[in-house]
PDB file of N, CA and C in Angstrom:
ATOM      1  N   MET A   1     133.690 -65.778  30.567  1.00  0.00           N
ATOM      2  CA  MET A   1     134.537 -66.807  31.434  1.00  0.00           C
ATOM      3  C   MET A   1     134.798 -67.695  29.949  1.00  0.00           C
ATOM      4  N   LEU A   2     134.660 -67.629  28.884  1.00  0.00           N
ATOM      5  CA  LEU A   2     134.943 -68.870  27.858  1.00  0.00           C
ATOM      6  C   LEU A   2     136.522 -67.681  27.336  1.00  0.00           C
ATOM      7  N   ASN A   3     136.062 -66.300  27.395  1.00  0.00           N
ATOM      8  CA  ASN A   3     137.121 -65.625  27.048  1.00  0.00           C
ATOM      9  C   ASN A   3     138.169 -65.779  27.877  1.00  0.00           C
ATOM     10  N   PHE A   4     138.204 -65.791  28.839  1.00  0.00           N
ATOM     11  CA  PHE A   4     139.123 -66.095  29.926  1.00  0.00           C
ATOM     12  C   PHE A   4     139.968 -67.531  30.144  1.00  0.00           C
ATOM     13  N   PHE A   5     139.399 -68.729  29.792  1.00  0.00           N
ATOM     14  CA  PHE A   5     139.642 -69.893  28.949  1.00  0.00           C
ATOM     15  C   PHE A   5     140.788 -69.777  28.046  1.00  0.00           C
ATOM     16  N   LYS A   6     140.261 -69.289  27.060  1.00  0.00           N
ATOM     17  CA  LYS A   6     140.678 -68.636  25.875  1.00  0.00           C
ATOM     18  C   LYS A   6     142.470 -68.213  25.819  1.00  0.00           C
ATOM     19  N   ASN A   7     142.521 -67.021  26.752  1.00  0.00           N
ATOM     20  CA  ASN A   7     143.482 -65.929  27.033  1.00  0.00           C
ATOM     21  C   ASN A   7     144.721 -66.843  27.799  1.00  0.00           C
ATOM     22  N   ALA A   8     143.753 -67.717  28.751  1.00  0.00           N
ATOM     23  CA  ALA A   8     144.799 -68.892  29.632  1.00  0.00           C
ATOM     24  C   ALA A   8     145.644 -69.773  28.779  1.00  0.00           C
ATOM     25  N   PHE A   9     144.977 -70.482  28.293  1.00  0.00           N
ATOM     26  CA  PHE A   9     145.414 -71.437  27.498  1.00  0.00           C
ATOM     27  C   PHE A   9     146.804 -70.893  26.414  1.00  0.00           C
ATOM     28  N   LYS A  10     146.305 -69.283  25.616  1.00  0.00           N
ATOM     29  CA  LYS A  10     147.086 -68.805  24.963  1.00  0.00           C
ATOM     30  C   LYS A  10     148.128 -68.628  25.748  1.00  0.00           C
ATOM     31  N   ASP A  11     147.858 -68.089  26.844  1.00  0.00           N
ATOM     32  CA  ASP A  11     149.397 -67.758  27.863  1.00  0.00           C
ATOM     33  C   ASP A  11     150.282 -68.638  28.068  1.00  0.00           C
ATOM     34  N   MET A  12     149.526 -69.798  27.942  1.00  0.00           N
ATOM     35  CA  MET A  12     150.065 -71.233  28.525  1.00  0.00           C
ATOM     36  C   MET A  12     150.804 -71.782  27.213  1.00  0.00           C
ATOM     37  N   LYS A  13     150.831 -71.953  26.169  1.00  0.00           N
ATOM     38  CA  LYS A  13     151.146 -72.140  25.192  1.00  0.00           C
ATOM     39  C   LYS A  13     152.326 -70.547  24.816  1.00  0.00           C
ATOM     40  N   GLU A  14     152.166 -69.489  24.865  1.00  0.00           N
ATOM     41  CA  GLU A  14     153.437 -68.623  24.409  1.00  0.00           C
ATOM     42  C   GLU A  14     154.154 -69.460  25.742  1.00  0.00           C
ATOM     43  N   SER A  15     154.051 -69.214  26.879  1.00  0.00           N
ATOM     44  CA  SER A  15     154.920 -69.683  27.909  1.00  0.00           C
ATOM     45  C   SER A  15     155.701 -70.966  27.344  1.00  0.00           C
ATOM     46  N   ALA A  16     155.142 -71.680  26.771  1.00  0.00           N
ATOM     47  CA  ALA A  16     155.746 -73.309  26.868  1.00  0.00           C
ATOM     48  C   ALA A  16     156.655 -73.210  25.615  1.00  0.00           C
ATOM     49  N   LYS A  17     156.026 -71.925  24.729  1.00  0.00           N
ATOM     50  CA  LYS A  17     157.228 -71.898  23.678  1.00  0.00           C
ATOM     51  C   LYS A  17     158.406 -71.256  23.779  1.00  0.00           C
ATOM     52  N   ALA A  18     158.334 -70.095  25.042  1.00  0.00           N
ATOM     53  CA  ALA A  18     159.279 -69.532  25.399  1.00  0.00           C
ATOM     54  C   ALA A  18     160.580 -70.100  25.927  1.00  0.00           C
ATOM     55  N   GLN A  19     159.866 -71.265  26.727  1.00  0.00           N
ATOM     56  CA  GLN A  19     160.411 -72.113  27.817  1.00  0.00           C
ATOM     57  C   GLN A  19     161.531 -73.313  27.071  1.00  0.00           C
ATOM     58  N   HIS A  20     160.629 -73.591  25.809  1.00  0.00           N
ATOM     59  CA  HIS A  20     161.458 -74.623  24.953  1.00  0.00           C
ATOM     60  C   HIS A  20     162.563 -74.032  24.250  1.00  0.00           C
ATOM     61  N   GLU A  21     162.364 -72.679  24.178  1.00  0.00           N
ATOM     62  CA  GLU A  21     163.547 -71.911  23.248  1.00  0.00           C
ATOM     63  C   GLU A  21     164.581 -71.630  24.158  1.00  0.00           C
ATOM     64  N   VAL A  22     164.443 -71.375  25.792  1.00  0.00           N
ATOM     65  CA  VAL A  22     165.037 -71.526  26.815  1.00  0.00           C
ATOM     66  C   VAL A  22     165.903 -72.907  27.143  1.00  0.00           C
ATOM     67  N   ASP A  23     165.096 -73.790  26.804  1.00  0.00           N
ATOM     68  CA  ASP A  23     165.666 -75.175  26.663  1.00  0.00           C
ATOM     69  C   ASP A  23     166.941 -75.925  26.103  1.00  0.00           C
ATOM     70  N   LYS A  24     165.968 -75.353  24.416  1.00  0.00           N
ATOM     71  CA  LYS A  24     167.248 -75.607  23.220  1.00  0.00           C
ATOM     72  C   LYS A  24     168.489 -74.921  23.533  1.00  0.00           C
ATOM     73  N   ALA A  25     168.400 -73.609  23.744  1.00  0.00           N
ATOM     74  CA  ALA A  25     169.821 -72.594  23.948  1.00  0.00           C
ATOM     75  C   ALA A  25     170.888 -73.460  25.051  1.00  0.00           C
ATOM     76  N   ASN A  26     170.157 -74.092  25.999  1.00  0.00           N
ATOM     77  CA  ASN A  26     170.521 -74.693  27.239  1.00  0.00           C
ATOM     78  C   ASN A  26     171.341 -75.672  26.781  1.00  0.00           C
ATOM     79  N   PHE A  27     170.695 -76.300  25.958  1.00  0.00           N
ATOM     80  CA  PHE A  27     171.023 -77.503  25.650  1.00  0.00           C
ATOM     81  C   PHE A  27     172.267 -77.918  24.710  1.00  0.00           C
ATOM     82  N   GLU A  28     172.235 -76.782  23.906  1.00  0.00           N
ATOM     83  CA  GLU A  28     173.341 -76.171  22.381  1.00  0.00           C
ATOM     84  C   GLU A  28     174.812 -75.999  23.267  1.00  0.00           C
ATOM     85  N   ALA A  29     174.478 -75.313  24.532  1.00  0.00           N
ATOM     86  CA  ALA A  29     175.337 -74.555  25.342  1.00  0.00           C
ATOM     87  C   ALA A  29     176.392 -76.081  26.038  1.00  0.00           C
ATOM     88  N   ALA A  30     175.672 -76.745  26.705  1.00  0.00           N
ATOM     89  CA  ALA A  30     175.950 -77.790  27.035  1.00  0.00           C
ATOM     90  C   ALA A  30     176.666 -78.585  26.091  1.00  0.00           C
ATOM     91  N   LYS A  31     176.410 -79.298  25.002  1.00  0.00           N
ATOM     92  CA  LYS A  31     176.680 -79.489  23.927  1.00  0.00           C
ATOM     93  C   LYS A  31     177.745 -79.178  23.505  1.00  0.00           C
ATOM     94  N   ALA A  32     177.828 -77.662  23.136  1.00  0.00           N
ATOM     95  CA  ALA A  32     179.025 -77.085  22.798  1.00  0.00           C
ATOM     96  C   ALA A  32     180.636 -77.329  24.095  1.00  0.00           C
ATOM     97  N   GLU A  33     180.341 -77.185  25.385  1.00  0.00           N
ATOM     98  CA  GLU A  33     180.877 -77.233  26.440  1.00  0.00           C
ATOM     99  C   GLU A  33     181.565 -78.620  26.195  1.00  0.00           C
ATOM    100  N   SER A  34     180.429 -79.673  26.215  1.00  0.00           N
ATOM    101  CA  SER A  34     180.919 -80.841  26.179  1.00  0.00           C
ATOM    102  C   SER A  34     182.278 -81.333  24.900  1.00  0.00           C
ATOM    103  N   LYS A  35     182.121 -80.788  24.140  1.00  0.00           N
ATOM    104  CA  LYS A  35     182.927 -81.051  22.856  1.00  0.00           C
ATOM    105  C   LYS A  35     184.103 -80.509  23.029  1.00  0.00           C
ATOM    106  N   ALA A  36     183.685 -79.119  23.703  1.00  0.00           N
ATOM    107  CA  ALA A  36     185.221 -78.520  24.262  1.00  0.00           C
ATOM    108  C   ALA A  36     186.220 -79.009  25.219  1.00  0.00           C
ATOM    109  N   GLN A  37     185.247 -79.829  26.252  1.00  0.00           N
ATOM    110  CA  GLN A  37     186.356 -80.910  27.028  1.00  0.00           C
ATOM    111  C   GLN A  37     186.560 -82.055  26.182  1.00  0.00           C
ATOM    112  N   TRP A  38     185.660 -82.681  25.437  1.00  0.00           N
ATOM    113  CA  TRP A  38     186.648 -83.700  24.480  1.00  0.00           C
ATOM    114  C   TRP A  38     187.757 -83.068  23.775  1.00  0.00           C
ATOM    115  N   GLU A  39     187.894 -81.999  23.209  1.00  0.00           N
ATOM    116  CA  GLU A  39     188.655 -81.720  22.238  1.00  0.00           C
ATOM    117  C   GLU A  39     190.094 -81.256  23.147  1.00  0.00           C
ATOM    118  N   GLU A  40     189.800 -80.510  24.235  1.00  0.00           N
ATOM    119  CA  GLU A  40     190.902 -80.234  25.015  1.00  0.00           C
ATOM    120  C   GLU A  40     191.451 -81.615  25.677  1.00  0.00           C
ATOM    121  N   ALA A  41     190.818 -82.383  26.025  1.00  0.00           N
ATOM    122  CA  ALA A  41     191.282 -83.840  26.352  1.00  0.00           C
ATOM    123  C   ALA A  41     191.823 -84.681  25.795  1.00  0.00           C
ATOM    124  N   LYS A  42     191.390 -84.551  24.327  1.00  0.00           N
ATOM    125  CA  LYS A  42     192.332 -85.070  23.033  1.00  0.00           C
ATOM    126  C   LYS A  42     193.404 -84.362  22.831  1.00  0.00           C
ATOM    127  N   ALA A  43     193.810 -83.047  22.930  1.00  0.00           N
ATOM    128  CA  ALA A  43     194.898 -82.234  22.838  1.00  0.00           C
ATOM    129  C   ALA A  43     195.588 -82.664  23.752  1.00  0.00           C
ATOM    130  N   MET A  44     195.569 -82.999  24.863  1.00  0.00           N
ATOM    131  CA  MET A  44     196.028 -83.329  25.809  1.00  0.00           C
ATOM    132  C   MET A  44     197.234 -84.743  25.819  1.00  0.00           C
ATOM    133  N   ARG A  45     196.366 -85.495  24.612  1.00  0.00           N
ATOM    134  CA  ARG A  45     197.095 -86.887  24.563  1.00  0.00           C
ATOM    135  C   ARG A  45     198.668 -86.472  23.230  1.00  0.00           C
ATOM    136  N   ASN A  46     198.668 -85.474  23.019  1.00  0.00           N
ATOM    137  CA  ASN A  46     199.794 -84.606  22.032  1.00  0.00           C
ATOM    138  C   ASN A  46     200.650 -83.854  22.625  1.00  0.00           C
ATOM    139  N   PRO A  47     201.809 -84.177  23.097  1.00  0.00           N
ATOM    140  CA  PRO A  47     202.809 -84.013  24.187  1.00  0.00           C
ATOM    141  C   PRO A  47     203.008 -81.910  23.521  1.00  0.00           C
ATOM    142  N   GLU A  48     203.536 -82.332  22.405  1.00  0.00           N
ATOM    143  CA  GLU A  48     203.342 -80.002  21.806  1.00  0.00           C
ATOM    144  C   GLU A  48     202.365 -79.368  22.456  1.00  0.00           C
ATOM    145  N   LYS A  49     200.948 -80.243  22.272  1.00  0.00           N
ATOM    146  CA  LYS A  49     199.661 -79.217  22.310  1.00  0.00           C
ATOM    147  C   LYS A  49     199.789 -79.272  24.071  1.00  0.00           C
ATOM    148  N   ARG A  50     200.234 -80.247  24.645  1.00  0.00           N
ATOM    149  CA  ARG A  50     200.181 -80.347  26.185  1.00  0.00           C
ATOM    150  C   ARG A  50     201.154 -78.783  26.640  1.00  0.00           C
ATOM    151  N   LYS A  51     202.259 -79.154  26.127  1.00  0.00           N
ATOM    152  CA  LYS A  51     203.182 -78.130  26.931  1.00  0.00           C
ATOM    153  C   LYS A  51     202.721 -76.945  26.550  1.00  0.00           C
ATOM    154  N   GLU A  52     202.274 -76.412  25.280  1.00  0.00           N
ATOM    155  CA  GLU A  52     201.629 -75.408  24.999  1.00  0.00           C
ATOM    156  C   GLU A  52     200.566 -74.737  25.612  1.00  0.00           C
ATOM    157  N   LEU A  53     199.653 -75.650  26.454  1.00  0.00           N
ATOM    158  CA  LEU A  53     198.512 -75.399  27.170  1.00  0.00           C
ATOM    159  C   LEU A  53     198.890 -75.358  28.640  1.00  0.00           C
ATOM    160  N   MET A  54     199.808 -75.863  28.807  1.00  0.00           N
ATOM    161  CA  MET A  54     200.685 -75.388  29.976  1.00  0.00           C
ATOM    162  C   MET A  54     201.179 -74.378  30.339  1.00  0.00           C
ATOM    163  N   GLN A  55     202.299 -74.348  29.109  1.00  0.00           N
ATOM    164  CA  GLN A  55     202.308 -72.842  29.409  1.00  0.00           C
ATOM    165  C   GLN A  55     201.526 -71.445  29.294  1.00  0.00           C
ATOM    166  N   ARG A  56     200.633 -71.507  28.511  1.00  0.00           N
ATOM    167  CA  ARG A  56     199.751 -70.896  28.627  1.00  0.00           C
ATOM    168  C   ARG A  56     198.795 -70.421  29.697  1.00  0.00           C
ATOM    169  N   GLU A  57     199.182 -71.602  30.688  1.00  0.00           N
ATOM    170  CA  GLU A  57     198.220 -71.672  31.844  1.00  0.00           C
ATOM    171  C   GLU A  57     199.250 -71.356  33.124  1.00  0.00           C
ATOM    172  N   ARG A  58     200.511 -71.276  32.595  1.00  0.00           N
ATOM    173  CA  ARG A  58     201.574 -71.063  33.716  1.00  0.00           C
ATOM    174  C   ARG A  58     201.944 -69.110  33.555  1.00  0.00           C
ATOM    175  N   ASP A  59     201.490 -68.739  32.028  1.00  0.00           N
ATOM    176  CA  ASP A  59     201.716 -67.111  31.761  1.00  0.00           C
ATOM    177  C   ASP A  59     200.369 -66.416  32.365  1.00  0.00           C
ATOM    178  N   LYS A  60     199.667 -67.317  32.586  1.00  0.00           N
ATOM    179  CA  LYS A  60     198.036 -66.679  33.246  1.00  0.00           C
ATOM    180  C   LYS A  60     198.412 -66.535  34.685  1.00  0.00           C
ATOM    181  N   GLN A  61     198.878 -67.839  35.007  1.00  0.00           N
ATOM    182  CA  GLN A  61     198.692 -67.331  36.561  1.00  0.00           C
ATOM    183  C   GLN A  61     200.418 -66.300  37.041  1.00  0.00           C
ATOM    184  N   ILE A  62     201.117 -66.321  36.506  1.00  0.00           N
ATOM    185  CA  ILE A  62     202.094 -65.208  36.392  1.00  0.00           C
ATOM    186  C   ILE A  62     201.829 -63.795  36.153  1.00  0.00           C
ATOM    187  N   ALA A  63     200.656 -63.648  35.312  1.00  0.00           N
ATOM    188  CA  ALA A  63     200.222 -62.222  35.238  1.00  0.00           C
ATOM    189  C   ALA A  63     199.232 -61.803  36.039  1.00  0.00           C
ATOM    190  N   GLU A  64     198.537 -63.013  36.557  1.00  0.00           N
ATOM    191  CA  GLU A  64     197.771 -62.551  37.963  1.00  0.00           C
ATOM    192  C   GLU A  64     198.678 -62.130  38.947  1.00  0.00           C
ATOM    193  N   ALA A  65     199.565 -63.340  39.498  1.00  0.00           N
ATOM    194  CA  ALA A  65     200.192 -62.775  40.346  1.00  0.00           C
ATOM    195  C   ALA A  65     201.055 -61.272  40.375  1.00  0.00           C
ATOM    196  N   LYS A  66     201.527 -60.911  39.390  1.00  0.00           N
ATOM    197  CA  LYS A  66     202.076 -59.451  38.797  1.00  0.00           C
ATOM    198  C   LYS A  66     200.767 -58.643  39.209  1.00  0.00           C
ATOM    199  N   GLU A  67     199.557 -58.687  39.360  1.00  0.00           N
ATOM    200  CA  GLU A  67     198.679 -58.011  38.827  1.00  0.00           C
ATOM    201  C   GLU A  67     198.486 -57.697  40.829  1.00  0.00           C
ATOM    202  N   ARG A  68     198.337 -58.557  41.153  1.00  0.00           N
ATOM    203  CA  ARG A  68     197.917 -58.771  42.778  1.00  0.00           C
ATOM    204  C   ARG A  68     199.396 -58.119  43.667  1.00  0.00           C
ATOM    205  N   THR A  69     200.717 -58.360  42.939  1.00  0.00           N
ATOM    206  CA  THR A  69     201.745 -57.736  43.698  1.00  0.00           C
ATOM    207  C   THR A  69     201.370 -56.275  43.672  1.00  0.00           C
ATOM    208  N   GLU A  70     201.064 -55.801  42.277  1.00  0.00           N
ATOM    209  CA  GLU A  70     201.156 -54.520  41.611  1.00  0.00           C
ATOM    210  C   GLU A  70     200.005 -53.612  42.465  1.00  0.00           C
ATOM    211  N   ALA A  71     198.610 -54.128  43.035  1.00  0.00           N
ATOM    212  CA  ALA A  71     197.767 -53.948  43.999  1.00  0.00           C
ATOM    213  C   ALA A  71     198.307 -54.126  45.482  1.00  0.00           C
ATOM    214  N   ALA A  72     199.114 -54.979  45.928  1.00  0.00           N
ATOM    215  CA  ALA A  72     199.523 -54.339  46.962  1.00  0.00           C
ATOM    216  C   ALA A  72     200.539 -53.685  46.770  1.00  0.00           C
ATOM    217  N   LYS A  73     201.352 -53.337  46.517  1.00  0.00           N
ATOM    218  CA  LYS A  73     202.276 -52.372  46.245  1.00  0.00           C
ATOM    219  C   LYS A  73     201.665 -50.868  46.322  1.00  0.00           C
ATOM    220  N   ALA A  74     200.577 -50.721  45.514  1.00  0.00           N
ATOM    221  CA  ALA A  74     199.666 -49.598  45.750  1.00  0.00           C
ATOM    222  C   ALA A  74     199.105 -49.263  47.010  1.00  0.00           C
ATOM    223  N   ARG A  75     198.525 -50.564  47.521  1.00  0.00           N
ATOM    224  CA  ARG A  75     197.747 -50.296  49.238  1.00  0.00           C
ATOM    225  C   ARG A  75     198.845 -49.821  49.996  1.00  0.00           C
ATOM    226  N   ILE A  76     199.816 -50.200  49.811  1.00  0.00           N
ATOM    227  CA  ILE A  76     201.361 -50.029  50.606  1.00  0.00           C
ATOM    228  C   ILE A  76     201.548 -48.484  50.683  1.00  0.00           C
ATOM    229  N   ASP A  77     202.194 -48.445  49.320  1.00  0.00           N
ATOM    230  CA  ASP A  77     202.112 -47.006  48.961  1.00  0.00           C
ATOM    231  C   ASP A  77     200.911 -45.705  49.783  1.00  0.00           C
ATOM    232  N   ALA A  78     199.780 -45.839  49.452  1.00  0.00           N
ATOM    233  CA  ALA A  78     198.433 -45.555  49.881  1.00  0.00           C
ATOM    234  C   ALA A  78     198.541 -45.385  51.571  1.00  0.00           C
ATOM    235  N   ILE A  79     198.979 -46.195  51.954  1.00  0.00           N
ATOM    236  CA  ILE A  79     199.090 -46.213  53.458  1.00  0.00           C
ATOM    237  C   ILE A  79     199.947 -45.374  54.023  1.00  0.00           C
ATOM    238  N   LYS A  80     201.105 -45.773  53.188  1.00  0.00           N
ATOM    239  CA  LYS A  80     202.439 -44.901  53.415  1.00  0.00           C
ATOM    240  C   LYS A  80     202.237 -43.334  53.523  1.00  0.00           C
ATOM    241  N   ARG A  81     201.576 -42.662  52.223  1.00  0.00           N
ATOM    242  CA  ARG A  81     201.305 -41.137  52.535  1.00  0.00           C
ATOM    243  C   ARG A  81     200.821 -40.578  53.515  1.00  0.00           C
TER     244      ARG A  81
END
């Protein structure tokens, strides 16, 4: 009986340590994401940075649209064969 409780408390201790590591990692991730959002917001005040970020977003959207167009053309060609 005594051994059962020793093992149970040992398991609880290990579980608590593992959960603490998970919580610590999640906190660090949330902190880094918050800082990234702050830096992005701060960069948006600078007109040059804002233009650069907006152009990057537009280029990304254009690339995605071209990929979708190519995929649609491939589907059309596959049907016509």
